[in-house]
């Protein structure tokens, strides 16, 4: 275990330099993994698609079924709002108009 930490330490240290808000966003991949699992399940159940448009429609319907009431958008913005300013400050070269939110 100690050797594992020693080997990964150089890659772990830069993570600690980010603000707490950014680290929370980086570590919250469960929602992304859940969405990918639902996409895979829907595609596997269908088997094949006649064209790309049909595949995109299937994925769109899966996405819409996750939040039929639209309440998820409110929860999403509340979770990301504290991280927007640190992202804009840390990655100002990647934000075209690095305004504080």
PDB file of N, CA and C in Angstrom:
ATOM      1  N   UNK A   1       0.817  -1.187   0.000  1.00  0.00           N
ATOM      2  CA  UNK A   1       0.000   0.000   0.000  1.00  0.00           C
ATOM      3  C   UNK A   1       0.868   1.261   0.000  1.00  0.00           C
ATOM      4  N   UNK A   2       1.932   1.242   0.761  1.00  0.00           N
ATOM      5  CA  UNK A   2       2.824   2.399   0.822  1.00  0.00           C
ATOM      6  C   UNK A   2       3.483   2.631  -0.530  1.00  0.00           C
ATOM      7  N   UNK A   3       3.863   1.563  -1.200  1.00  0.00           N
ATOM      8  CA  UNK A   3       4.481   1.692  -2.528  1.00  0.00           C
ATOM      9  C   UNK A   3       3.485   2.288  -3.522  1.00  0.00           C
ATOM     10  N   UNK A   4       2.215   1.889  -3.404  1.00  0.00           N
ATOM     11  CA  UNK A   4       1.173   2.443  -4.279  1.00  0.00           C
ATOM     12  C   UNK A   4       1.063   3.952  -4.095  1.00  0.00           C
ATOM     13  N   UNK A   5       1.059   4.420  -2.845  1.00  0.00           N
ATOM     14  CA  UNK A   5       0.996   5.843  -2.566  1.00  0.00           C
ATOM     15  C   UNK A   5       2.240   6.561  -3.088  1.00  0.00           C
ATOM     16  N   UNK A   6       3.406   5.954  -2.872  1.00  0.00           N
ATOM     17  CA  UNK A   6       4.647   6.572  -3.354  1.00  0.00           C
ATOM     18  C   UNK A   6       4.647   6.714  -4.868  1.00  0.00           C
ATOM     19  N   UNK A   7       4.149   5.685  -5.563  1.00  0.00           N
ATOM     20  CA  UNK A   7       4.119   5.723  -7.027  1.00  0.00           C
ATOM     21  C   UNK A   7       3.133   6.757  -7.565  1.00  0.00           C
ATOM     22  N   UNK A   8       2.022   6.956  -6.859  1.00  0.00           N
ATOM     23  CA  UNK A   8       0.973   7.865  -7.339  1.00  0.00           C
ATOM     24  C   UNK A   8       1.063   9.262  -6.738  1.00  0.00           C
ATOM     25  N   UNK A   9       2.009   9.487  -5.828  1.00  0.00           N
ATOM     26  CA  UNK A   9       2.065  10.758  -5.110  1.00  0.00           C
ATOM     27  C   UNK A   9       2.251  11.956  -6.039  1.00  0.00           C
ATOM     28  N   UNK A  10       3.088  11.831  -7.040  1.00  0.00           N
ATOM     29  CA  UNK A  10       3.340  12.954  -7.961  1.00  0.00           C
ATOM     30  C   UNK A  10       2.083  13.329  -8.746  1.00  0.00           C
ATOM     31  N   UNK A  11       1.208  12.384  -8.978  1.00  0.00           N
ATOM     32  CA  UNK A  11      -0.044  12.670  -9.687  1.00  0.00           C
ATOM     33  C   UNK A  11      -1.137  13.150  -8.746  1.00  0.00           C
ATOM     34  N   UNK A  12      -1.012  12.834  -7.462  1.00  0.00           N
ATOM     35  CA  UNK A  12      -2.037  13.214  -6.488  1.00  0.00           C
ATOM     36  C   UNK A  12      -1.851  14.641  -5.980  1.00  0.00           C
ATOM     37  N   UNK A  13      -0.625  15.082  -5.818  1.00  0.00           N
ATOM     38  CA  UNK A  13      -0.330  16.411  -5.273  1.00  0.00           C
ATOM     39  C   UNK A  13      -0.995  17.542  -6.061  1.00  0.00           C
ATOM     40  N   UNK A  14      -0.961  17.568  -7.394  1.00  0.00           N
ATOM     41  CA  UNK A  14      -1.625  18.679  -8.107  1.00  0.00           C
ATOM     42  C   UNK A  14      -3.120  18.773  -7.797  1.00  0.00           C
ATOM     43  N   UNK A  15      -3.760  17.646  -7.508  1.00  0.00           N
ATOM     44  CA  UNK A  15      -5.170  17.646  -7.145  1.00  0.00           C
ATOM     45  C   UNK A  15      -5.411  18.482  -5.887  1.00  0.00           C
ATOM     46  N   UNK A  16      -4.496  18.440  -4.950  1.00  0.00           N
ATOM     47  CA  UNK A  16      -4.660  19.170  -3.694  1.00  0.00           C
ATOM     48  C   UNK A  16      -4.508  20.684  -3.863  1.00  0.00           C
ATOM     49  N   UNK A  17      -3.953  21.136  -4.960  1.00  0.00           N
ATOM     50  CA  UNK A  17      -3.780  22.572  -5.195  1.00  0.00           C
ATOM     51  C   UNK A  17      -5.063  23.251  -5.657  1.00  0.00           C
ATOM     52  N   UNK A  18      -6.050  22.462  -6.090  1.00  0.00           N
ATOM     53  CA  UNK A  18      -7.330  23.038  -6.503  1.00  0.00           C
ATOM     54  C   UNK A  18      -8.132  23.475  -5.282  1.00  0.00           C
ATOM     55  N   UNK A  19      -9.050  24.411  -5.491  1.00  0.00           N
ATOM     56  CA  UNK A  19      -9.962  24.816  -4.425  1.00  0.00           C
ATOM     57  C   UNK A  19     -10.858  23.642  -4.032  1.00  0.00           C
ATOM     58  N   UNK A  20     -11.411  23.721  -2.844  1.00  0.00           N
ATOM     59  CA  UNK A  20     -12.279  22.649  -2.338  1.00  0.00           C
ATOM     60  C   UNK A  20     -13.476  22.443  -3.266  1.00  0.00           C
ATOM     61  N   UNK A  21     -14.036  23.534  -3.787  1.00  0.00           N
ATOM     62  CA  UNK A  21     -15.206  23.431  -4.664  1.00  0.00           C
ATOM     63  C   UNK A  21     -14.879  22.653  -5.933  1.00  0.00           C
ATOM     64  N   UNK A  22     -13.707  22.892  -6.496  1.00  0.00           N
ATOM     65  CA  UNK A  22     -13.303  22.182  -7.707  1.00  0.00           C
ATOM     66  C   UNK A  22     -13.064  20.710  -7.394  1.00  0.00           C
ATOM     67  N   UNK A  23     -12.460  20.424  -6.250  1.00  0.00           N
ATOM     68  CA  UNK A  23     -12.221  19.023  -5.877  1.00  0.00           C
ATOM     69  C   UNK A  23     -13.528  18.267  -5.705  1.00  0.00           C
ATOM     70  N   UNK A  24     -14.552  18.928  -5.171  1.00  0.00           N
ATOM     71  CA  UNK A  24     -15.851  18.271  -5.017  1.00  0.00           C
ATOM     72  C   UNK A  24     -16.430  17.888  -6.375  1.00  0.00           C
ATOM     73  N   UNK A  25     -16.296  18.768  -7.356  1.00  0.00           N
ATOM     74  CA  UNK A  25     -16.810  18.481  -8.692  1.00  0.00           C
ATOM     75  C   UNK A  25     -16.014  17.354  -9.343  1.00  0.00           C
ATOM     76  N   UNK A  26     -14.710  17.370  -9.188  1.00  0.00           N
ATOM     77  CA  UNK A  26     -13.869  16.328  -9.779  1.00  0.00           C
ATOM     78  C   UNK A  26     -14.207  14.967  -9.196  1.00  0.00           C
ATOM     79  N   UNK A  27     -14.473  14.909  -7.917  1.00  0.00           N
ATOM     80  CA  UNK A  27     -14.739  13.626  -7.252  1.00  0.00           C
ATOM     81  C   UNK A  27     -16.157  13.131  -7.430  1.00  0.00           C
ATOM     82  N   UNK A  28     -17.051  13.926  -7.975  1.00  0.00           N
ATOM     83  CA  UNK A  28     -18.449  13.513  -8.089  1.00  0.00           C
ATOM     84  C   UNK A  28     -18.731  12.930  -9.472  1.00  0.00           C
ATOM     85  N   UNK A  29     -18.110  11.801  -9.763  1.00  0.00           N
ATOM     86  CA  UNK A  29     -18.325  11.153 -11.052  1.00  0.00           C
ATOM     87  C   UNK A  29     -19.427  10.110 -11.003  1.00  0.00           C
ATOM     88  N   UNK A  30     -20.045   9.887  -9.854  1.00  0.00           N
ATOM     89  CA  UNK A  30     -21.095   8.879  -9.757  1.00  0.00           C
ATOM     90  C   UNK A  30     -22.254   9.161 -10.701  1.00  0.00           C
ATOM     91  N   UNK A  31     -22.628  10.414 -10.837  1.00  0.00           N
ATOM     92  CA  UNK A  31     -23.738  10.762 -11.727  1.00  0.00           C
ATOM     93  C   UNK A  31     -23.386  10.460 -13.178  1.00  0.00           C
ATOM     94  N   UNK A  32     -22.152  10.738 -13.557  1.00  0.00           N
ATOM     95  CA  UNK A  32     -21.717  10.465 -14.930  1.00  0.00           C
ATOM     96  C   UNK A  32     -21.690   8.964 -15.186  1.00  0.00           C
ATOM     97  N   UNK A  33     -21.162   8.200 -14.239  1.00  0.00           N
ATOM     98  CA  UNK A  33     -21.108   6.750 -14.394  1.00  0.00           C
ATOM     99  C   UNK A  33     -22.508   6.155 -14.446  1.00  0.00           C
ATOM    100  N   UNK A  34     -23.424   6.689 -13.664  1.00  0.00           N
ATOM    101  CA  UNK A  34     -24.808   6.214 -13.677  1.00  0.00           C
ATOM    102  C   UNK A  34     -25.465   6.480 -15.029  1.00  0.00           C
ATOM    103  N   UNK A  35     -25.237   7.669 -15.570  1.00  0.00           N
ATOM    104  CA  UNK A  35     -25.793   8.004 -16.874  1.00  0.00           C
ATOM    105  C   UNK A  35     -25.226   7.098 -17.964  1.00  0.00           C
ATOM    106  N   UNK A  36     -23.917   6.867 -17.940  1.00  0.00           N
ATOM    107  CA  UNK A  36     -23.315   5.968 -18.925  1.00  0.00           C
ATOM    108  C   UNK A  36     -23.876   4.556 -18.815  1.00  0.00           C
ATOM    109  N   UNK A  37     -24.114   4.083 -17.598  1.00  0.00           N
ATOM    110  CA  UNK A  37     -24.692   2.746 -17.410  1.00  0.00           C
ATOM    111  C   UNK A  37     -26.096   2.680 -17.999  1.00  0.00           C
ATOM    112  N   UNK A  38     -26.868   3.719 -17.816  1.00  0.00           N
ATOM    113  CA  UNK A  38     -28.227   3.742 -18.384  1.00  0.00           C
ATOM    114  C   UNK A  38     -28.185   3.808 -19.905  1.00  0.00           C
ATOM    115  N   UNK A  39     -27.240   4.558 -20.449  1.00  0.00           N
ATOM    116  CA  UNK A  39     -27.068   4.590 -21.906  1.00  0.00           C
ATOM    117  C   UNK A  39     -26.739   3.198 -22.434  1.00  0.00           C
ATOM    118  N   UNK A  40     -25.767   2.538 -21.790  1.00  0.00           N
ATOM    119  CA  UNK A  40     -25.383   1.190 -22.234  1.00  0.00           C
ATOM    120  C   UNK A  40     -26.551   0.218 -22.160  1.00  0.00           C
ATOM    121  N   UNK A  41     -27.327   0.283 -21.079  1.00  0.00           N
ATOM    122  CA  UNK A  41     -28.470  -0.603 -20.916  1.00  0.00           C
ATOM    123  C   UNK A  41     -29.504  -0.375 -22.024  1.00  0.00           C
ATOM    124  N   UNK A  42     -29.778   0.877 -22.349  1.00  0.00           N
ATOM    125  CA  UNK A  42     -30.757   1.189 -23.391  1.00  0.00           C
ATOM    126  C   UNK A  42     -30.274   0.728 -24.762  1.00  0.00           C
ATOM    127  N   UNK A  43     -28.995   0.933 -25.046  1.00  0.00           N
ATOM    128  CA  UNK A  43     -28.447   0.529 -26.347  1.00  0.00           C
ATOM    129  C   UNK A  43     -28.425  -0.992 -26.465  1.00  0.00           C
ATOM    130  N   UNK A  44     -28.052  -1.665 -25.380  1.00  0.00           N
ATOM    131  CA  UNK A  44     -28.003  -3.125 -25.405  1.00  0.00           C
ATOM    132  C   UNK A  44     -29.403  -3.711 -25.585  1.00  0.00           C
ATOM    133  N   UNK A  45     -30.418  -3.110 -24.939  1.00  0.00           N
ATOM    134  CA  UNK A  45     -31.792  -3.604 -25.073  1.00  0.00           C
ATOM    135  C   UNK A  45     -32.308  -3.430 -26.494  1.00  0.00           C
ATOM    136  N   UNK A  46     -31.908  -2.375 -27.157  1.00  0.00           N
ATOM    137  CA  UNK A  46     -32.368  -2.101 -28.524  1.00  0.00           C
ATOM    138  C   UNK A  46     -31.614  -2.958 -29.530  1.00  0.00           C
ATOM    139  N   UNK A  47     -30.353  -3.198 -29.289  1.00  0.00           N
ATOM    140  CA  UNK A  47     -29.581  -4.051 -30.191  1.00  0.00           C
ATOM    141  C   UNK A  47     -28.893  -3.277 -31.289  1.00  0.00           C
ATOM    142  N   UNK A  48     -29.657  -2.720 -32.204  1.00  0.00           N
ATOM    143  CA  UNK A  48     -29.072  -1.970 -33.316  1.00  0.00           C
ATOM    144  C   UNK A  48     -30.008  -0.820 -33.686  1.00  0.00           C
ATOM    145  N   UNK A  49     -29.488   0.118 -34.432  1.00  0.00           N
ATOM    146  CA  UNK A  49     -30.257   1.281 -34.852  1.00  0.00           C
ATOM    147  C   UNK A  49     -30.138   1.429 -36.363  1.00  0.00           C
ATOM    148  N   UNK A  50     -31.213   1.829 -37.018  1.00  0.00           N
ATOM    149  CA  UNK A  50     -31.156   1.978 -38.475  1.00  0.00           C
ATOM    150  C   UNK A  50     -30.225   3.106 -38.929  1.00  0.00           C
ATOM    151  N   UNK A  51     -30.098   4.141 -38.115  1.00  0.00           N
ATOM    152  CA  UNK A  51     -29.203   5.250 -38.459  1.00  0.00           C
ATOM    153  C   UNK A  51     -28.796   5.995 -37.187  1.00  0.00           C
ATOM    154  N   UNK A  52     -27.923   6.968 -37.345  1.00  0.00           N
ATOM    155  CA  UNK A  52     -27.411   7.723 -36.208  1.00  0.00           C
ATOM    156  C   UNK A  52     -28.512   8.530 -35.521  1.00  0.00           C
ATOM    157  N   UNK A  53     -29.452   9.029 -36.302  1.00  0.00           N
ATOM    158  CA  UNK A  53     -30.563   9.813 -35.761  1.00  0.00           C
ATOM    159  C   UNK A  53     -31.381   8.979 -34.767  1.00  0.00           C
ATOM    160  N   UNK A  54     -31.610   7.726 -35.069  1.00  0.00           N
ATOM    161  CA  UNK A  54     -32.370   6.850 -34.171  1.00  0.00           C
ATOM    162  C   UNK A  54     -31.599   6.604 -32.868  1.00  0.00           C
ATOM    163  N   UNK A  55     -30.286   6.432 -32.966  1.00  0.00           N
ATOM    164  CA  UNK A  55     -29.474   6.220 -31.771  1.00  0.00           C
ATOM    165  C   UNK A  55     -29.487   7.463 -30.888  1.00  0.00           C
ATOM    166  N   UNK A  56     -29.351   8.634 -31.486  1.00  0.00           N
ATOM    167  CA  UNK A  56     -29.383   9.878 -30.719  1.00  0.00           C
ATOM    168  C   UNK A  56     -30.744  10.091 -30.060  1.00  0.00           C
ATOM    169  N   UNK A  57     -31.810   9.731 -30.759  1.00  0.00           N
ATOM    170  CA  UNK A  57     -33.146   9.866 -30.183  1.00  0.00           C
ATOM    171  C   UNK A  57     -33.300   8.952 -28.973  1.00  0.00           C
ATOM    172  N   UNK A  58     -32.781   7.737 -29.062  1.00  0.00           N
ATOM    173  CA  UNK A  58     -32.842   6.795 -27.940  1.00  0.00           C
ATOM    174  C   UNK A  58     -32.098   7.365 -26.732  1.00  0.00           C
ATOM    175  N   UNK A  59     -30.895   7.884 -26.947  1.00  0.00           N
ATOM    176  CA  UNK A  59     -30.109   8.450 -25.847  1.00  0.00           C
ATOM    177  C   UNK A  59     -30.787   9.689 -25.266  1.00  0.00           C
ATOM    178  N   UNK A  60     -31.412  10.487 -26.128  1.00  0.00           N
ATOM    179  CA  UNK A  60     -32.139  11.669 -25.661  1.00  0.00           C
ATOM    180  C   UNK A  60     -33.304  11.254 -24.758  1.00  0.00           C
ATOM    181  N   UNK A  61     -34.047  10.233 -25.175  1.00  0.00           N
ATOM    182  CA  UNK A  61     -35.181   9.784 -24.375  1.00  0.00           C
ATOM    183  C   UNK A  61     -34.731   9.190 -23.044  1.00  0.00           C
ATOM    184  N   UNK A  62     -33.604   8.501 -23.039  1.00  0.00           N
ATOM    185  CA  UNK A  62     -33.055   7.993 -21.778  1.00  0.00           C
ATOM    186  C   UNK A  62     -32.715   9.158 -20.864  1.00  0.00           C
ATOM    187  N   UNK A  63     -32.085  10.183 -21.403  1.00  0.00           N
ATOM    188  CA  UNK A  63     -31.708  11.350 -20.607  1.00  0.00           C
ATOM    189  C   UNK A  63     -32.938  12.051 -20.050  1.00  0.00           C
ATOM    190  N   UNK A  64     -33.959  12.210 -20.872  1.00  0.00           N
ATOM    191  CA  UNK A  64     -35.190  12.871 -20.424  1.00  0.00           C
ATOM    192  C   UNK A  64     -35.911  12.058 -19.355  1.00  0.00           C
ATOM    193  N   UNK A  65     -35.835  10.742 -19.434  1.00  0.00           N
ATOM    194  CA  UNK A  65     -36.526   9.913 -18.453  1.00  0.00           C
ATOM    195  C   UNK A  65     -35.874   9.973 -17.076  1.00  0.00           C
ATOM    196  N   UNK A  66     -34.635  10.421 -17.001  1.00  0.00           N
ATOM    197  CA  UNK A  66     -33.951  10.527 -15.714  1.00  0.00           C
ATOM    198  C   UNK A  66     -34.534  11.626 -14.837  1.00  0.00           C
ATOM    199  N   UNK A  67     -35.065  12.670 -15.453  1.00  0.00           N
ATOM    200  CA  UNK A  67     -35.589  13.814 -14.710  1.00  0.00           C
ATOM    201  C   UNK A  67     -36.865  14.317 -15.371  1.00  0.00           C
ATOM    202  N   UNK A  68     -37.960  13.544 -15.277  1.00  0.00           N
ATOM    203  CA  UNK A  68     -39.180  13.940 -15.995  1.00  0.00           C
ATOM    204  C   UNK A  68     -39.819  15.223 -15.474  1.00  0.00           C
ATOM    205  N   UNK A  69     -39.586  15.591 -14.211  1.00  0.00           N
ATOM    206  CA  UNK A  69     -40.217  16.800 -13.664  1.00  0.00           C
ATOM    207  C   UNK A  69     -39.395  18.057 -13.907  1.00  0.00           C
ATOM    208  N   UNK A  70     -38.108  17.904 -14.193  1.00  0.00           N
ATOM    209  CA  UNK A  70     -37.251  19.060 -14.418  1.00  0.00           C
ATOM    210  C   UNK A  70     -36.623  19.612 -13.154  1.00  0.00           C
ATOM    211  N   UNK A  71     -36.820  18.943 -12.012  1.00  0.00           N
ATOM    212  CA  UNK A  71     -36.246  19.418 -10.749  1.00  0.00           C
ATOM    213  C   UNK A  71     -34.738  19.231 -10.689  1.00  0.00           C
ATOM    214  N   UNK A  72     -34.200  18.332 -11.474  1.00  0.00           N
ATOM    215  CA  UNK A  72     -32.771  18.063 -11.448  1.00  0.00           C
ATOM    216  C   UNK A  72     -31.938  19.257 -11.860  1.00  0.00           C
ATOM    217  N   UNK A  73     -32.468  20.080 -12.734  1.00  0.00           N
ATOM    218  CA  UNK A  73     -31.726  21.260 -13.176  1.00  0.00           C
ATOM    219  C   UNK A  73     -31.457  22.204 -12.009  1.00  0.00           C
ATOM    220  N   UNK A  74     -32.448  22.349 -11.141  1.00  0.00           N
ATOM    221  CA  UNK A  74     -32.274  23.198  -9.966  1.00  0.00           C
ATOM    222  C   UNK A  74     -31.202  22.626  -9.050  1.00  0.00           C
ATOM    223  N   UNK A  75     -31.247  21.312  -8.818  1.00  0.00           N
ATOM    224  CA  UNK A  75     -30.232  20.681  -7.969  1.00  0.00           C
ATOM    225  C   UNK A  75     -28.854  20.803  -8.606  1.00  0.00           C
ATOM    226  N   UNK A  76     -28.773  20.653  -9.927  1.00  0.00           N
ATOM    227  CA  UNK A  76     -27.502  20.734 -10.630  1.00  0.00           C
ATOM    228  C   UNK A  76     -26.887  22.118 -10.477  1.00  0.00           C
ATOM    229  N   UNK A  77     -27.691  23.167 -10.682  1.00  0.00           N
ATOM    230  CA  UNK A  77     -27.146  24.515 -10.586  1.00  0.00           C
ATOM    231  C   UNK A  77     -26.733  24.849  -9.160  1.00  0.00           C
ATOM    232  N   UNK A  78     -27.451  24.340  -8.185  1.00  0.00           N
ATOM    233  CA  UNK A  78     -27.081  24.606  -6.795  1.00  0.00           C
ATOM    234  C   UNK A  78     -25.753  23.933  -6.451  1.00  0.00           C
ATOM    235  N   UNK A  79     -25.482  22.774  -7.038  1.00  0.00           N
ATOM    236  CA  UNK A  79     -24.242  22.071  -6.738  1.00  0.00           C
ATOM    237  C   UNK A  79     -23.057  22.707  -7.462  1.00  0.00           C
ATOM    238  N   UNK A  80     -23.269  23.240  -8.671  1.00  0.00           N
ATOM    239  CA  UNK A  80     -22.172  23.796  -9.463  1.00  0.00           C
ATOM    240  C   UNK A  80     -21.934  25.267  -9.184  1.00  0.00           C
ATOM    241  N   UNK A  81     -22.895  25.972  -8.664  1.00  0.00           N
ATOM    242  CA  UNK A  81     -22.761  27.412  -8.460  1.00  0.00           C
ATOM    243  C   UNK A  81     -21.522  27.782  -7.643  1.00  0.00           C
ATOM    244  N   UNK A  82     -21.241  27.121  -6.500  1.00  0.00           N
ATOM    245  CA  UNK A  82     -20.046  27.495  -5.736  1.00  0.00           C
ATOM    246  C   UNK A  82     -18.744  27.227  -6.481  1.00  0.00           C
ATOM    247  N   UNK A  83     -18.748  26.309  -7.439  1.00  0.00           N
ATOM    248  CA  UNK A  83     -17.515  25.948  -8.140  1.00  0.00           C
ATOM    249  C   UNK A  83     -17.241  26.833  -9.352  1.00  0.00           C
ATOM    250  N   UNK A  84     -18.208  27.598  -9.820  1.00  0.00           N
ATOM    251  CA  UNK A  84     -18.014  28.381 -11.046  1.00  0.00           C
ATOM    252  C   UNK A  84     -16.926  29.441 -10.900  1.00  0.00           C
ATOM    253  N   UNK A  85     -16.902  30.170  -9.799  1.00  0.00           N
ATOM    254  CA  UNK A  85     -15.863  31.195  -9.610  1.00  0.00           C
ATOM    255  C   UNK A  85     -14.468  30.591  -9.520  1.00  0.00           C
ATOM    256  N   UNK A  86     -14.256  29.532  -8.721  1.00  0.00           N
ATOM    257  CA  UNK A  86     -12.916  28.931  -8.706  1.00  0.00           C
ATOM    258  C   UNK A  86     -12.496  28.375 -10.074  1.00  0.00           C
ATOM    259  N   UNK A  87     -13.451  27.808 -10.816  1.00  0.00           N
ATOM    260  CA  UNK A  87     -13.126  27.337 -12.167  1.00  0.00           C
ATOM    261  C   UNK A  87     -12.699  28.501 -13.049  1.00  0.00           C
ATOM    262  N   UNK A  88     -13.446  29.600 -12.998  1.00  0.00           N
ATOM    263  CA  UNK A  88     -13.122  30.769 -13.826  1.00  0.00           C
ATOM    264  C   UNK A  88     -11.767  31.354 -13.452  1.00  0.00           C
ATOM    265  N   UNK A  89     -11.428  31.332 -12.172  1.00  0.00           N
ATOM    266  CA  UNK A  89     -10.142  31.870 -11.724  1.00  0.00           C
ATOM    267  C   UNK A  89      -8.988  30.941 -12.090  1.00  0.00           C
ATOM    268  N   UNK A  90      -9.172  29.654 -11.809  1.00  0.00           N
ATOM    269  CA  UNK A  90      -8.103  28.680 -12.042  1.00  0.00           C
ATOM    270  C   UNK A  90      -7.857  28.452 -13.525  1.00  0.00           C
ATOM    271  N   UNK A  91      -8.928  28.398 -14.307  1.00  0.00           N
ATOM    272  CA  UNK A  91      -8.807  28.095 -15.730  1.00  0.00           C
ATOM    273  C   UNK A  91      -9.231  29.299 -16.572  1.00  0.00           C
ATOM    274  N   UNK A  92      -8.738  30.484 -16.232  1.00  0.00           N
ATOM    275  CA  UNK A  92      -9.143  31.700 -16.942  1.00  0.00           C
ATOM    276  C   UNK A  92      -8.760  31.657 -18.419  1.00  0.00           C
ATOM    277  N   UNK A  93      -7.702  30.919 -18.751  1.00  0.00           N
ATOM    278  CA  UNK A  93      -7.312  30.828 -20.156  1.00  0.00           C
ATOM    279  C   UNK A  93      -8.286  29.973 -20.970  1.00  0.00           C
ATOM    280  N   UNK A  94      -9.102  29.165 -20.309  1.00  0.00           N
ATOM    281  CA  UNK A  94     -10.067  28.305 -21.006  1.00  0.00           C
ATOM    282  C   UNK A  94     -11.459  28.895 -21.040  1.00  0.00           C
ATOM    283  N   UNK A  95     -11.708  29.928 -20.252  1.00  0.00           N
ATOM    284  CA  UNK A  95     -12.999  30.603 -20.270  1.00  0.00           C
ATOM    285  C   UNK A  95     -12.888  31.796 -21.202  1.00  0.00           C
ATOM    286  N   UNK A  96     -13.655  31.846 -22.293  1.00  0.00           N
ATOM    287  CA  UNK A  96     -13.529  32.960 -23.247  1.00  0.00           C
ATOM    288  C   UNK A  96     -13.736  34.318 -22.581  1.00  0.00           C
ATOM    289  N   UNK A  97     -14.764  34.416 -21.782  1.00  0.00           N
ATOM    290  CA  UNK A  97     -15.003  35.663 -21.039  1.00  0.00           C
ATOM    291  C   UNK A  97     -14.952  35.268 -19.569  1.00  0.00           C
ATOM    292  N   UNK A  98     -13.792  35.323 -18.973  1.00  0.00           N
ATOM    293  CA  UNK A  98     -13.625  34.850 -17.602  1.00  0.00           C
ATOM    294  C   UNK A  98     -14.236  35.831 -16.630  1.00  0.00           C
ATOM    295  N   UNK A  99     -15.547  35.838 -16.616  1.00  0.00           N
ATOM    296  CA  UNK A  99     -16.273  36.698 -15.678  1.00  0.00           C
ATOM    297  C   UNK A  99     -16.559  35.881 -14.432  1.00  0.00           C
ATOM    298  N   UNK A 100     -16.645  36.526 -13.316  1.00  0.00           N
ATOM    299  CA  UNK A 100     -17.039  35.827 -12.105  1.00  0.00           C
ATOM    300  C   UNK A 100     -18.547  35.689 -12.109  1.00  0.00           C
ATOM    301  N   UNK A 101     -19.002  34.542 -11.674  1.00  0.00           N
ATOM    302  CA  UNK A 101     -20.447  34.248 -11.709  1.00  0.00           C
ATOM    303  C   UNK A 101     -21.085  34.515 -10.381  1.00  0.00           C
TER     304      UNK A 101
END
